């Protein structure tokens, strides 16, 4: 084997699964500030991970329901809400433009009436 191929930081490290508290000792170059006492009484650097083979559904064989609705259902609900909001804005804009047109007509009628009375 070639000499000096591993980095200088290649050392024993404890990885802890945050889901189930499982810990295992292996070699790694990962940088960490935390330390923990291992079963042999020695202190080792500690790396906390969110998922390992002891908690991942693929390896454990257990299914987890993450959410009740699927992604497609959520997308359809967001799309329906967006359509409803768009329709509401369109109706409000039509009402506002109708009000402006009515005001404009009244103003035109007043101008025409004032010209006739002069």
PDB file of N, CA and C in Angstrom:
ATOM      1  N   UNK A   1       0.832  -1.189   0.000  1.00  0.00           N
ATOM      2  CA  UNK A   1       0.000   0.000   0.000  1.00  0.00           C
ATOM      3  C   UNK A   1       0.872   1.246   0.000  1.00  0.00           C
ATOM      4  N   UNK A   2       0.321   2.321  -0.536  1.00  0.00           N
ATOM      5  CA  UNK A   2       1.055   3.579  -0.573  1.00  0.00           C
ATOM      6  C   UNK A   2       1.119   4.173   0.819  1.00  0.00           C
ATOM      7  N   UNK A   3       2.233   4.814   1.108  1.00  0.00           N
ATOM      8  CA  UNK A   3       2.395   5.462   2.404  1.00  0.00           C
ATOM      9  C   UNK A   3       1.866   6.888   2.332  1.00  0.00           C
ATOM     10  N   UNK A   4       1.383   7.371   3.469  1.00  0.00           N
ATOM     11  CA  UNK A   4       0.930   8.758   3.634  1.00  0.00           C
ATOM     12  C   UNK A   4      -0.172   9.163   2.654  1.00  0.00           C
ATOM     13  N   UNK A   5      -1.124   8.271   2.407  1.00  0.00           N
ATOM     14  CA  UNK A   5      -2.236   8.638   1.527  1.00  0.00           C
ATOM     15  C   UNK A   5      -3.431   9.175   2.311  1.00  0.00           C
ATOM     16  N   UNK A   6      -3.513   8.904   3.610  1.00  0.00           N
ATOM     17  CA  UNK A   6      -4.619   9.393   4.417  1.00  0.00           C
ATOM     18  C   UNK A   6      -4.284  10.767   4.984  1.00  0.00           C
ATOM     19  N   UNK A   7      -5.279  11.641   5.091  1.00  0.00           N
ATOM     20  CA  UNK A   7      -5.039  12.964   5.685  1.00  0.00           C
ATOM     21  C   UNK A   7      -4.615  12.829   7.148  1.00  0.00           C
ATOM     22  N   UNK A   8      -4.007  13.881   7.651  1.00  0.00           N
ATOM     23  CA  UNK A   8      -3.528  13.872   9.038  1.00  0.00           C
ATOM     24  C   UNK A   8      -4.692  13.844  10.026  1.00  0.00           C
ATOM     25  N   UNK A   9      -5.870  14.305   9.615  1.00  0.00           N
ATOM     26  CA  UNK A   9      -7.022  14.348  10.507  1.00  0.00           C
ATOM     27  C   UNK A   9      -7.829  13.046  10.491  1.00  0.00           C
ATOM     28  N   UNK A  10      -7.348  12.020   9.826  1.00  0.00           N
ATOM     29  CA  UNK A  10      -8.038  10.735   9.782  1.00  0.00           C
ATOM     30  C   UNK A  10      -7.876  10.070  11.140  1.00  0.00           C
ATOM     31  N   UNK A  11      -8.994   9.974  11.891  1.00  0.00           N
ATOM     32  CA  UNK A  11      -8.917   9.503  13.269  1.00  0.00           C
ATOM     33  C   UNK A  11     -10.216   8.801  13.638  1.00  0.00           C
ATOM     34  N   UNK A  12     -10.255   8.209  14.823  1.00  0.00           N
ATOM     35  CA  UNK A  12     -11.477   7.580  15.322  1.00  0.00           C
ATOM     36  C   UNK A  12     -12.470   8.668  15.739  1.00  0.00           C
ATOM     37  N   UNK A  13     -13.724   8.500  15.316  1.00  0.00           N
ATOM     38  CA  UNK A  13     -14.778   9.472  15.591  1.00  0.00           C
ATOM     39  C   UNK A  13     -16.041   8.712  15.959  1.00  0.00           C
ATOM     40  N   UNK A  14     -16.835   9.269  16.891  1.00  0.00           N
ATOM     41  CA  UNK A  14     -18.118   8.679  17.270  1.00  0.00           C
ATOM     42  C   UNK A  14     -19.220   9.432  16.535  1.00  0.00           C
ATOM     43  N   UNK A  15     -20.086   8.694  15.851  1.00  0.00           N
ATOM     44  CA  UNK A  15     -21.258   9.265  15.188  1.00  0.00           C
ATOM     45  C   UNK A  15     -22.477   8.918  16.018  1.00  0.00           C
ATOM     46  N   UNK A  16     -23.344   9.915  16.280  1.00  0.00           N
ATOM     47  CA  UNK A  16     -24.551   9.692  17.061  1.00  0.00           C
ATOM     48  C   UNK A  16     -25.775  10.010  16.215  1.00  0.00           C
ATOM     49  N   UNK A  17     -26.714   9.061  16.157  1.00  0.00           N
ATOM     50  CA  UNK A  17     -27.974   9.244  15.439  1.00  0.00           C
ATOM     51  C   UNK A  17     -28.921  10.022  16.350  1.00  0.00           C
ATOM     52  N   UNK A  18     -29.371  11.184  15.913  1.00  0.00           N
ATOM     53  CA  UNK A  18     -30.237  12.021  16.739  1.00  0.00           C
ATOM     54  C   UNK A  18     -31.657  11.467  16.856  1.00  0.00           C
ATOM     55  N   UNK A  19     -32.061  10.566  15.946  1.00  0.00           N
ATOM     56  CA  UNK A  19     -33.406   9.997  15.997  1.00  0.00           C
ATOM     57  C   UNK A  19     -33.563   8.961  17.099  1.00  0.00           C
ATOM     58  N   UNK A  20     -32.554   8.102  17.270  1.00  0.00           N
ATOM     59  CA  UNK A  20     -32.711   7.014  18.236  1.00  0.00           C
ATOM     60  C   UNK A  20     -31.562   6.913  19.245  1.00  0.00           C
ATOM     61  N   UNK A  21     -30.601   7.815  19.169  1.00  0.00           N
ATOM     62  CA  UNK A  21     -29.513   7.819  20.139  1.00  0.00           C
ATOM     63  C   UNK A  21     -28.435   6.775  19.903  1.00  0.00           C
ATOM     64  N   UNK A  22     -28.521   6.020  18.815  1.00  0.00           N
ATOM     65  CA  UNK A  22     -27.518   4.998  18.511  1.00  0.00           C
ATOM     66  C   UNK A  22     -26.180   5.661  18.202  1.00  0.00           C
ATOM     67  N   UNK A  23     -25.104   5.105  18.753  1.00  0.00           N
ATOM     68  CA  UNK A  23     -23.763   5.641  18.515  1.00  0.00           C
ATOM     69  C   UNK A  23     -22.887   4.535  17.955  1.00  0.00           C
ATOM     70  N   UNK A  24     -21.972   4.929  17.054  1.00  0.00           N
ATOM     71  CA  UNK A  24     -20.993   3.965  16.567  1.00  0.00           C
ATOM     72  C   UNK A  24     -19.658   4.659  16.361  1.00  0.00           C
ATOM     73  N   UNK A  25     -18.605   3.880  16.498  1.00  0.00           N
ATOM     74  CA  UNK A  25     -17.240   4.379  16.419  1.00  0.00           C
ATOM     75  C   UNK A  25     -16.649   3.945  15.086  1.00  0.00           C
ATOM     76  N   UNK A  26     -16.097   4.902  14.353  1.00  0.00           N
ATOM     77  CA  UNK A  26     -15.471   4.601  13.068  1.00  0.00           C
ATOM     78  C   UNK A  26     -14.383   5.638  12.801  1.00  0.00           C
ATOM     79  N   UNK A  27     -13.706   5.490  11.707  1.00  0.00           N
ATOM     80  CA  UNK A  27     -12.678   6.469  11.343  1.00  0.00           C
ATOM     81  C   UNK A  27     -13.253   7.487  10.379  1.00  0.00           C
ATOM     82  N   UNK A  28     -12.807   8.742  10.531  1.00  0.00           N
ATOM     83  CA  UNK A  28     -13.300   9.808   9.672  1.00  0.00           C
ATOM     84  C   UNK A  28     -12.357  11.001   9.720  1.00  0.00           C
ATOM     85  N   UNK A  29     -12.524  11.889   8.736  1.00  0.00           N
ATOM     86  CA  UNK A  29     -11.762  13.141   8.709  1.00  0.00           C
ATOM     87  C   UNK A  29     -12.656  14.339   9.009  1.00  0.00           C
ATOM     88  N   UNK A  30     -13.898  14.091   9.369  1.00  0.00           N
ATOM     89  CA  UNK A  30     -14.845  15.172   9.608  1.00  0.00           C
ATOM     90  C   UNK A  30     -14.383  16.040  10.787  1.00  0.00           C
ATOM     91  N   UNK A  31     -14.580  17.362  10.637  1.00  0.00           N
ATOM     92  CA  UNK A  31     -14.166  18.301  11.684  1.00  0.00           C
ATOM     93  C   UNK A  31     -15.313  18.497  12.675  1.00  0.00           C
ATOM     94  N   UNK A  32     -15.002  18.455  13.954  1.00  0.00           N
ATOM     95  CA  UNK A  32     -16.005  18.670  14.985  1.00  0.00           C
ATOM     96  C   UNK A  32     -15.336  19.192  16.248  1.00  0.00           C
ATOM     97  N   UNK A  33     -16.096  19.941  17.025  1.00  0.00           N
ATOM     98  CA  UNK A  33     -15.588  20.496  18.279  1.00  0.00           C
ATOM     99  C   UNK A  33     -16.038  19.677  19.484  1.00  0.00           C
ATOM    100  N   UNK A  34     -17.139  18.932  19.330  1.00  0.00           N
ATOM    101  CA  UNK A  34     -17.689  18.175  20.454  1.00  0.00           C
ATOM    102  C   UNK A  34     -16.908  16.892  20.699  1.00  0.00           C
ATOM    103  N   UNK A  35     -16.942  16.455  21.940  1.00  0.00           N
ATOM    104  CA  UNK A  35     -16.287  15.193  22.321  1.00  0.00           C
ATOM    105  C   UNK A  35     -17.252  14.380  23.166  1.00  0.00           C
ATOM    106  N   UNK A  36     -17.037  13.080  23.194  1.00  0.00           N
ATOM    107  CA  UNK A  36     -17.858  12.196  24.016  1.00  0.00           C
ATOM    108  C   UNK A  36     -16.995  11.055  24.530  1.00  0.00           C
ATOM    109  N   UNK A  37     -17.437  10.472  25.620  1.00  0.00           N
ATOM    110  CA  UNK A  37     -16.722   9.332  26.201  1.00  0.00           C
ATOM    111  C   UNK A  37     -17.317   8.067  25.602  1.00  0.00           C
ATOM    112  N   UNK A  38     -16.474   7.212  25.064  1.00  0.00           N
ATOM    113  CA  UNK A  38     -16.904   5.968  24.433  1.00  0.00           C
ATOM    114  C   UNK A  38     -16.881   4.837  25.458  1.00  0.00           C
ATOM    115  N   UNK A  39     -17.388   3.679  25.084  1.00  0.00           N
ATOM    116  CA  UNK A  39     -17.491   2.529  25.988  1.00  0.00           C
ATOM    117  C   UNK A  39     -16.149   2.067  26.535  1.00  0.00           C
ATOM    118  N   UNK A  40     -15.063   2.328  25.802  1.00  0.00           N
ATOM    119  CA  UNK A  40     -13.740   1.905  26.272  1.00  0.00           C
ATOM    120  C   UNK A  40     -13.124   2.897  27.255  1.00  0.00           C
ATOM    121  N   UNK A  41     -13.854   4.001  27.550  1.00  0.00           N
ATOM    122  CA  UNK A  41     -13.383   4.981  28.525  1.00  0.00           C
ATOM    123  C   UNK A  41     -12.603   6.127  27.914  1.00  0.00           C
ATOM    124  N   UNK A  42     -12.316   6.073  26.622  1.00  0.00           N
ATOM    125  CA  UNK A  42     -11.568   7.140  25.953  1.00  0.00           C
ATOM    126  C   UNK A  42     -12.511   8.213  25.421  1.00  0.00           C
ATOM    127  N   UNK A  43     -11.989   9.435  25.300  1.00  0.00           N
ATOM    128  CA  UNK A  43     -12.748  10.527  24.701  1.00  0.00           C
ATOM    129  C   UNK A  43     -12.468  10.560  23.203  1.00  0.00           C
ATOM    130  N   UNK A  44     -13.549  10.699  22.420  1.00  0.00           N
ATOM    131  CA  UNK A  44     -13.437  10.772  20.964  1.00  0.00           C
ATOM    132  C   UNK A  44     -14.260  11.950  20.463  1.00  0.00           C
ATOM    133  N   UNK A  45     -13.907  12.492  19.300  1.00  0.00           N
ATOM    134  CA  UNK A  45     -14.732  13.550  18.703  1.00  0.00           C
ATOM    135  C   UNK A  45     -16.127  12.993  18.406  1.00  0.00           C
ATOM    136  N   UNK A  46     -17.158  13.852  18.567  1.00  0.00           N
ATOM    137  CA  UNK A  46     -18.536  13.435  18.372  1.00  0.00           C
ATOM    138  C   UNK A  46     -19.146  14.190  17.199  1.00  0.00           C
ATOM    139  N   UNK A  47     -19.797  13.431  16.303  1.00  0.00           N
ATOM    140  CA  UNK A  47     -20.521  14.013  15.171  1.00  0.00           C
ATOM    141  C   UNK A  47     -21.961  13.576  15.299  1.00  0.00           C
ATOM    142  N   UNK A  48     -22.881  14.558  15.339  1.00  0.00           N
ATOM    143  CA  UNK A  48     -24.307  14.243  15.443  1.00  0.00           C
ATOM    144  C   UNK A  48     -24.906  14.272  14.040  1.00  0.00           C
ATOM    145  N   UNK A  49     -25.612  13.183  13.682  1.00  0.00           N
ATOM    146  CA  UNK A  49     -26.239  13.078  12.367  1.00  0.00           C
ATOM    147  C   UNK A  49     -27.729  12.850  12.549  1.00  0.00           C
ATOM    148  N   UNK A  50     -28.510  13.251  11.561  1.00  0.00           N
ATOM    149  CA  UNK A  50     -29.963  13.151  11.670  1.00  0.00           C
ATOM    150  C   UNK A  50     -30.485  11.763  11.340  1.00  0.00           C
ATOM    151  N   UNK A  51     -29.769  11.010  10.540  1.00  0.00           N
ATOM    152  CA  UNK A  51     -30.274   9.700  10.160  1.00  0.00           C
ATOM    153  C   UNK A  51     -29.102   8.772   9.849  1.00  0.00           C
ATOM    154  N   UNK A  52     -29.228   7.531  10.279  1.00  0.00           N
ATOM    155  CA  UNK A  52     -28.241   6.498   9.980  1.00  0.00           C
ATOM    156  C   UNK A  52     -28.985   5.240   9.540  1.00  0.00           C
ATOM    157  N   UNK A  53     -28.245   4.175   9.310  1.00  0.00           N
ATOM    158  CA  UNK A  53     -28.884   2.930   8.883  1.00  0.00           C
ATOM    159  C   UNK A  53     -29.776   2.351   9.981  1.00  0.00           C
ATOM    160  N   UNK A  54     -29.583   2.768  11.229  1.00  0.00           N
ATOM    161  CA  UNK A  54     -30.426   2.242  12.311  1.00  0.00           C
ATOM    162  C   UNK A  54     -31.767   2.948  12.408  1.00  0.00           C
ATOM    163  N   UNK A  55     -31.905   4.116  11.717  1.00  0.00           N
ATOM    164  CA  UNK A  55     -33.177   4.829  11.793  1.00  0.00           C
ATOM    165  C   UNK A  55     -33.803   5.076  10.424  1.00  0.00           C
ATOM    166  N   UNK A  56     -33.096   4.774   9.346  1.00  0.00           N
ATOM    167  CA  UNK A  56     -33.632   5.007   8.008  1.00  0.00           C
ATOM    168  C   UNK A  56     -34.650   3.927   7.650  1.00  0.00           C
ATOM    169  N   UNK A  57     -35.836   4.316   7.153  1.00  0.00           N
ATOM    170  CA  UNK A  57     -36.882   3.334   6.848  1.00  0.00           C
ATOM    171  C   UNK A  57     -36.454   2.259   5.863  1.00  0.00           C
ATOM    172  N   UNK A  58     -35.553   2.565   4.947  1.00  0.00           N
ATOM    173  CA  UNK A  58     -35.099   1.557   3.991  1.00  0.00           C
ATOM    174  C   UNK A  58     -34.407   0.400   4.698  1.00  0.00           C
ATOM    175  N   UNK A  59     -33.607   0.707   5.703  1.00  0.00           N
ATOM    176  CA  UNK A  59     -32.859  -0.324   6.406  1.00  0.00           C
ATOM    177  C   UNK A  59     -33.653  -0.967   7.530  1.00  0.00           C
ATOM    178  N   UNK A  60     -34.563  -0.213   8.130  1.00  0.00           N
ATOM    179  CA  UNK A  60     -35.329  -0.767   9.250  1.00  0.00           C
ATOM    180  C   UNK A  60     -36.553  -1.532   8.785  1.00  0.00           C
ATOM    181  N   UNK A  61     -37.031  -1.243   7.568  1.00  0.00           N
ATOM    182  CA  UNK A  61     -38.195  -1.936   7.047  1.00  0.00           C
ATOM    183  C   UNK A  61     -39.513  -1.370   7.532  1.00  0.00           C
ATOM    184  N   UNK A  62     -39.493  -0.334   8.338  1.00  0.00           N
ATOM    185  CA  UNK A  62     -40.734   0.256   8.824  1.00  0.00           C
ATOM    186  C   UNK A  62     -41.073   1.481   7.992  1.00  0.00           C
ATOM    187  N   UNK A  63     -42.347   1.648   7.742  1.00  0.00           N
ATOM    188  CA  UNK A  63     -42.791   2.809   6.987  1.00  0.00           C
ATOM    189  C   UNK A  63     -43.181   3.911   7.948  1.00  0.00           C
ATOM    190  N   UNK A  64     -42.880   5.134   7.548  1.00  0.00           N
ATOM    191  CA  UNK A  64     -43.288   6.288   8.326  1.00  0.00           C
ATOM    192  C   UNK A  64     -44.188   7.143   7.457  1.00  0.00           C
ATOM    193  N   UNK A  65     -45.270   7.569   8.017  1.00  0.00           N
ATOM    194  CA  UNK A  65     -46.142   8.477   7.288  1.00  0.00           C
ATOM    195  C   UNK A  65     -45.682   9.886   7.619  1.00  0.00           C
ATOM    196  N   UNK A  66     -45.122  10.523   6.631  1.00  0.00           N
ATOM    197  CA  UNK A  66     -44.585  11.856   6.837  1.00  0.00           C
ATOM    198  C   UNK A  66     -45.709  12.883   6.844  1.00  0.00           C
ATOM    199  N   UNK A  67     -46.616  12.756   5.894  1.00  0.00           N
ATOM    200  CA  UNK A  67     -47.741  13.672   5.857  1.00  0.00           C
ATOM    201  C   UNK A  67     -48.964  12.937   5.332  1.00  0.00           C
ATOM    202  N   UNK A  68     -50.124  13.443   5.662  1.00  0.00           N
ATOM    203  CA  UNK A  68     -51.375  12.806   5.264  1.00  0.00           C
ATOM    204  C   UNK A  68     -51.608  13.008   3.769  1.00  0.00           C
ATOM    205  N   UNK A  69     -51.473  14.236   3.322  1.00  0.00           N
ATOM    206  CA  UNK A  69     -51.691  14.547   1.924  1.00  0.00           C
ATOM    207  C   UNK A  69     -50.416  14.289   1.131  1.00  0.00           C
ATOM    208  N   UNK A  70     -50.597  13.886  -0.108  1.00  0.00           N
ATOM    209  CA  UNK A  70     -49.451  13.700  -0.986  1.00  0.00           C
ATOM    210  C   UNK A  70     -49.031  15.009  -1.615  1.00  0.00           C
ATOM    211  N   UNK A  71     -47.945  14.978  -2.329  1.00  0.00           N
ATOM    212  CA  UNK A  71     -47.427  16.188  -2.965  1.00  0.00           C
ATOM    213  C   UNK A  71     -48.385  16.716  -4.024  1.00  0.00           C
ATOM    214  N   UNK A  72     -48.984  15.794  -4.788  1.00  0.00           N
ATOM    215  CA  UNK A  72     -49.897  16.210  -5.843  1.00  0.00           C
ATOM    216  C   UNK A  72     -51.115  16.906  -5.253  1.00  0.00           C
ATOM    217  N   UNK A  73     -51.658  16.353  -4.167  1.00  0.00           N
ATOM    218  CA  UNK A  73     -52.819  16.967  -3.521  1.00  0.00           C
ATOM    219  C   UNK A  73     -52.483  18.363  -3.004  1.00  0.00           C
ATOM    220  N   UNK A  74     -51.308  18.522  -2.421  1.00  0.00           N
ATOM    221  CA  UNK A  74     -50.901  19.834  -1.924  1.00  0.00           C
ATOM    222  C   UNK A  74     -50.770  20.821  -3.077  1.00  0.00           C
ATOM    223  N   UNK A  75     -50.188  20.353  -4.198  1.00  0.00           N
ATOM    224  CA  UNK A  75     -50.034  21.227  -5.356  1.00  0.00           C
ATOM    225  C   UNK A  75     -51.392  21.657  -5.891  1.00  0.00           C
ATOM    226  N   UNK A  76     -52.316  20.711  -5.997  1.00  0.00           N
ATOM    227  CA  UNK A  76     -53.654  21.038  -6.495  1.00  0.00           C
ATOM    228  C   UNK A  76     -54.362  22.032  -5.575  1.00  0.00           C
ATOM    229  N   UNK A  77     -54.194  21.879  -4.273  1.00  0.00           N
ATOM    230  CA  UNK A  77     -54.812  22.802  -3.317  1.00  0.00           C
ATOM    231  C   UNK A  77     -54.221  24.204  -3.472  1.00  0.00           C
ATOM    232  N   UNK A  78     -52.898  24.302  -3.630  1.00  0.00           N
ATOM    233  CA  UNK A  78     -52.264  25.611  -3.824  1.00  0.00           C
ATOM    234  C   UNK A  78     -52.720  26.243  -5.135  1.00  0.00           C
ATOM    235  N   UNK A  79     -52.832  25.426  -6.191  1.00  0.00           N
ATOM    236  CA  UNK A  79     -53.262  25.942  -7.490  1.00  0.00           C
ATOM    237  C   UNK A  79     -54.704  26.448  -7.407  1.00  0.00           C
ATOM    238  N   UNK A  80     -55.573  25.715  -6.718  1.00  0.00           N
ATOM    239  CA  UNK A  80     -56.966  26.142  -6.563  1.00  0.00           C
ATOM    240  C   UNK A  80     -57.040  27.444  -5.770  1.00  0.00           C
ATOM    241  N   UNK A  81     -56.244  27.559  -4.731  1.00  0.00           N
ATOM    242  CA  UNK A  81     -56.224  28.788  -3.929  1.00  0.00           C
ATOM    243  C   UNK A  81     -55.715  29.961  -4.762  1.00  0.00           C
ATOM    244  N   UNK A  82     -54.712  29.722  -5.585  1.00  0.00           N
ATOM    245  CA  UNK A  82     -54.179  30.785  -6.439  1.00  0.00           C
ATOM    246  C   UNK A  82     -55.227  31.223  -7.460  1.00  0.00           C
ATOM    247  N   UNK A  83     -55.954  30.261  -8.042  1.00  0.00           N
ATOM    248  CA  UNK A  83     -57.018  30.598  -8.994  1.00  0.00           C
ATOM    249  C   UNK A  83     -58.113  31.427  -8.329  1.00  0.00           C
ATOM    250  N   UNK A  84     -58.505  31.023  -7.128  1.00  0.00           N
ATOM    251  CA  UNK A  84     -59.540  31.754  -6.401  1.00  0.00           C
ATOM    252  C   UNK A  84     -59.080  33.182  -6.096  1.00  0.00           C
ATOM    253  N   UNK A  85     -57.840  33.341  -5.687  1.00  0.00           N
ATOM    254  CA  UNK A  85     -57.304  34.669  -5.377  1.00  0.00           C
ATOM    255  C   UNK A  85     -57.254  35.521  -6.643  1.00  0.00           C
ATOM    256  N   UNK A  86     -56.861  34.908  -7.770  1.00  0.00           N
ATOM    257  CA  UNK A  86     -56.806  35.641  -9.031  1.00  0.00           C
ATOM    258  C   UNK A  86     -58.207  36.106  -9.441  1.00  0.00           C
ATOM    259  N   UNK A  87     -59.188  35.233  -9.326  1.00  0.00           N
ATOM    260  CA  UNK A  87     -60.570  35.596  -9.674  1.00  0.00           C
ATOM    261  C   UNK A  87     -61.074  36.735  -8.786  1.00  0.00           C
ATOM    262  N   UNK A  88     -60.721  36.682  -7.513  1.00  0.00           N
ATOM    263  CA  UNK A  88     -61.131  37.734  -6.581  1.00  0.00           C
ATOM    264  C   UNK A  88     -60.525  39.077  -6.984  1.00  0.00           C
ATOM    265  N   UNK A  89     -59.241  39.056  -7.372  1.00  0.00           N
ATOM    266  CA  UNK A  89     -58.583  40.294  -7.811  1.00  0.00           C
ATOM    267  C   UNK A  89     -59.208  40.822  -9.099  1.00  0.00           C
ATOM    268  N   UNK A  90     -59.568  39.919 -10.010  1.00  0.00           N
ATOM    269  CA  UNK A  90     -60.183  40.334 -11.271  1.00  0.00           C
ATOM    270  C   UNK A  90     -61.546  40.992 -11.007  1.00  0.00           C
ATOM    271  N   UNK A  91     -62.347  40.382 -10.129  1.00  0.00           N
ATOM    272  CA  UNK A  91     -63.654  40.954  -9.794  1.00  0.00           C
ATOM    273  C   UNK A  91     -63.498  42.328  -9.155  1.00  0.00           C
ATOM    274  N   UNK A  92     -62.542  42.459  -8.247  1.00  0.00           N
ATOM    275  CA  UNK A  92     -62.311  43.741  -7.581  1.00  0.00           C
ATOM    276  C   UNK A  92     -61.873  44.791  -8.593  1.00  0.00           C
ATOM    277  N   UNK A  93     -61.031  44.408  -9.542  1.00  0.00           N
ATOM    278  CA  UNK A  93     -60.564  45.352 -10.557  1.00  0.00           C
ATOM    279  C   UNK A  93     -61.717  45.772 -11.462  1.00  0.00           C
ATOM    280  N   UNK A  94     -62.593  44.830 -11.813  1.00  0.00           N
ATOM    281  CA  UNK A  94     -63.749  45.162 -12.659  1.00  0.00           C
ATOM    282  C   UNK A  94     -64.687  46.115 -11.935  1.00  0.00           C
ATOM    283  N   UNK A  95     -64.922  45.866 -10.641  1.00  0.00           N
ATOM    284  CA  UNK A  95     -65.779  46.762  -9.858  1.00  0.00           C
ATOM    285  C   UNK A  95     -65.189  48.154  -9.815  1.00  0.00           C
ATOM    286  N   UNK A  96     -63.877  48.223  -9.581  1.00  0.00           N
ATOM    287  CA  UNK A  96     -63.219  49.517  -9.472  1.00  0.00           C
ATOM    288  C   UNK A  96     -63.273  50.254 -10.809  1.00  0.00           C
ATOM    289  N   UNK A  97     -63.062  49.543 -11.910  1.00  0.00           N
ATOM    290  CA  UNK A  97     -63.109  50.208 -13.211  1.00  0.00           C
ATOM    291  C   UNK A  97     -64.539  50.642 -13.538  1.00  0.00           C
ATOM    292  N   UNK A  98     -65.545  49.865 -13.114  1.00  0.00           N
ATOM    293  CA  UNK A  98     -66.941  50.256 -13.328  1.00  0.00           C
ATOM    294  C   UNK A  98     -67.260  51.511 -12.531  1.00  0.00           C
ATOM    295  N   UNK A  99     -66.760  51.611 -11.303  1.00  0.00           N
ATOM    296  CA  UNK A  99     -66.977  52.803 -10.479  1.00  0.00           C
ATOM    297  C   UNK A  99     -66.330  54.020 -11.129  1.00  0.00           C
ATOM    298  N   UNK A 100     -65.110  53.846 -11.630  1.00  0.00           N
ATOM    299  CA  UNK A 100     -64.423  54.955 -12.284  1.00  0.00           C
ATOM    300  C   UNK A 100     -65.183  55.391 -13.527  1.00  0.00           C
ATOM    301  N   UNK A 101     -65.695  54.430 -14.282  1.00  0.00           N
ATOM    302  CA  UNK A 101     -66.457  54.764 -15.494  1.00  0.00           C
ATOM    303  C   UNK A 101     -67.732  55.514 -15.120  1.00  0.00           C
ATOM    304  N   UNK A 102     -68.403  55.074 -14.045  1.00  0.00           N
ATOM    305  CA  UNK A 102     -69.631  55.756 -13.605  1.00  0.00           C
ATOM    306  C   UNK A 102     -69.321  57.178 -13.161  1.00  0.00           C
ATOM    307  N   UNK A 103     -68.247  57.359 -12.412  1.00  0.00           N
ATOM    308  CA  UNK A 103     -67.853  58.700 -11.973  1.00  0.00           C
ATOM    309  C   UNK A 103     -67.527  59.576 -13.177  1.00  0.00           C
ATOM    310  N   UNK A 104     -66.844  58.985 -14.139  1.00  0.00           N
ATOM    311  CA  UNK A 104     -66.469  59.721 -15.340  1.00  0.00           C
ATOM    312  C   UNK A 104     -67.712  60.155 -16.109  1.00  0.00           C
ATOM    313  N   UNK A 105     -68.692  59.241 -16.206  1.00  0.00           N
ATOM    314  CA  UNK A 105     -69.947  59.582 -16.894  1.00  0.00           C
ATOM    315  C   UNK A 105     -70.681  60.711 -16.173  1.00  0.00           C
ATOM    316  N   UNK A 106     -70.751  60.636 -14.863  1.00  0.00           N
ATOM    317  CA  UNK A 106     -71.421  61.683 -14.088  1.00  0.00           C
ATOM    318  C   UNK A 106     -70.726  63.019 -14.286  1.00  0.00           C
ATOM    319  N   UNK A 107     -69.392  62.983 -14.303  1.00  0.00           N
ATOM    320  CA  UNK A 107     -68.644  64.222 -14.504  1.00  0.00           C
ATOM    321  C   UNK A 107     -68.911  64.771 -15.890  1.00  0.00           C
ATOM    322  N   UNK A 108     -68.975  63.910 -16.893  1.00  0.00           N
ATOM    323  CA  UNK A 108     -69.266  64.351 -18.262  1.00  0.00           C
ATOM    324  C   UNK A 108     -70.673  64.936 -18.352  1.00  0.00           C
ATOM    325  N   UNK A 109     -71.631  64.289 -17.665  1.00  0.00           N
ATOM    326  CA  UNK A 109     -73.008  64.788 -17.670  1.00  0.00           C
ATOM    327  C   UNK A 109     -73.085  66.166 -17.016  1.00  0.00           C
ATOM    328  N   UNK A 110     -72.356  66.351 -15.936  1.00  0.00           N
ATOM    329  CA  UNK A 110     -72.352  67.668 -15.251  1.00  0.00           C
ATOM    330  C   UNK A 110     -71.764  68.739 -16.169  1.00  0.00           C
ATOM    331  N   UNK A 111     -70.693  68.390 -16.867  1.00  0.00           N
ATOM    332  CA  UNK A 111     -70.074  69.358 -17.776  1.00  0.00           C
ATOM    333  C   UNK A 111     -71.032  69.714 -18.894  1.00  0.00           C
ATOM    334  N   UNK A 112     -71.707  68.679 -19.436  1.00  0.00           N
ATOM    335  CA  UNK A 112     -72.651  68.922 -20.523  1.00  0.00           C
ATOM    336  C   UNK A 112     -73.823  69.763 -20.015  1.00  0.00           C
ATOM    337  N   UNK A 113     -74.313  69.493 -18.807  1.00  0.00           N
ATOM    338  CA  UNK A 113     -75.417  70.249 -18.237  1.00  0.00           C
ATOM    339  C   UNK A 113     -75.011  71.699 -17.987  1.00  0.00           C
ATOM    340  N   UNK A 114     -73.802  71.904 -17.525  1.00  0.00           N
ATOM    341  CA  UNK A 114     -73.343  73.255 -17.253  1.00  0.00           C
ATOM    342  C   UNK A 114     -73.160  74.035 -18.550  1.00  0.00           C
ATOM    343  N   UNK A 115     -72.802  73.395 -19.625  1.00  0.00           N
ATOM    344  CA  UNK A 115     -72.670  74.069 -20.917  1.00  0.00           C
ATOM    345  C   UNK A 115     -74.041  74.467 -21.455  1.00  0.00           C
ATOM    346  N   UNK A 116     -75.044  73.604 -21.212  1.00  0.00           N
ATOM    347  CA  UNK A 116     -76.386  73.906 -21.685  1.00  0.00           C
ATOM    348  C   UNK A 116     -77.014  75.070 -20.930  1.00  0.00           C
ATOM    349  N   UNK A 117     -76.715  75.185 -19.668  1.00  0.00           N
ATOM    350  CA  UNK A 117     -77.291  76.250 -18.853  1.00  0.00           C
ATOM    351  C   UNK A 117     -76.618  77.583 -19.086  1.00  0.00           C
ATOM    352  N   UNK A 118     -75.523  77.662 -19.708  1.00  0.00           N
ATOM    353  CA  UNK A 118     -74.812  78.924 -19.929  1.00  0.00           C
ATOM    354  C   UNK A 118     -75.387  79.674 -21.026  1.00  0.00           C
TER     355      UNK A 118
END
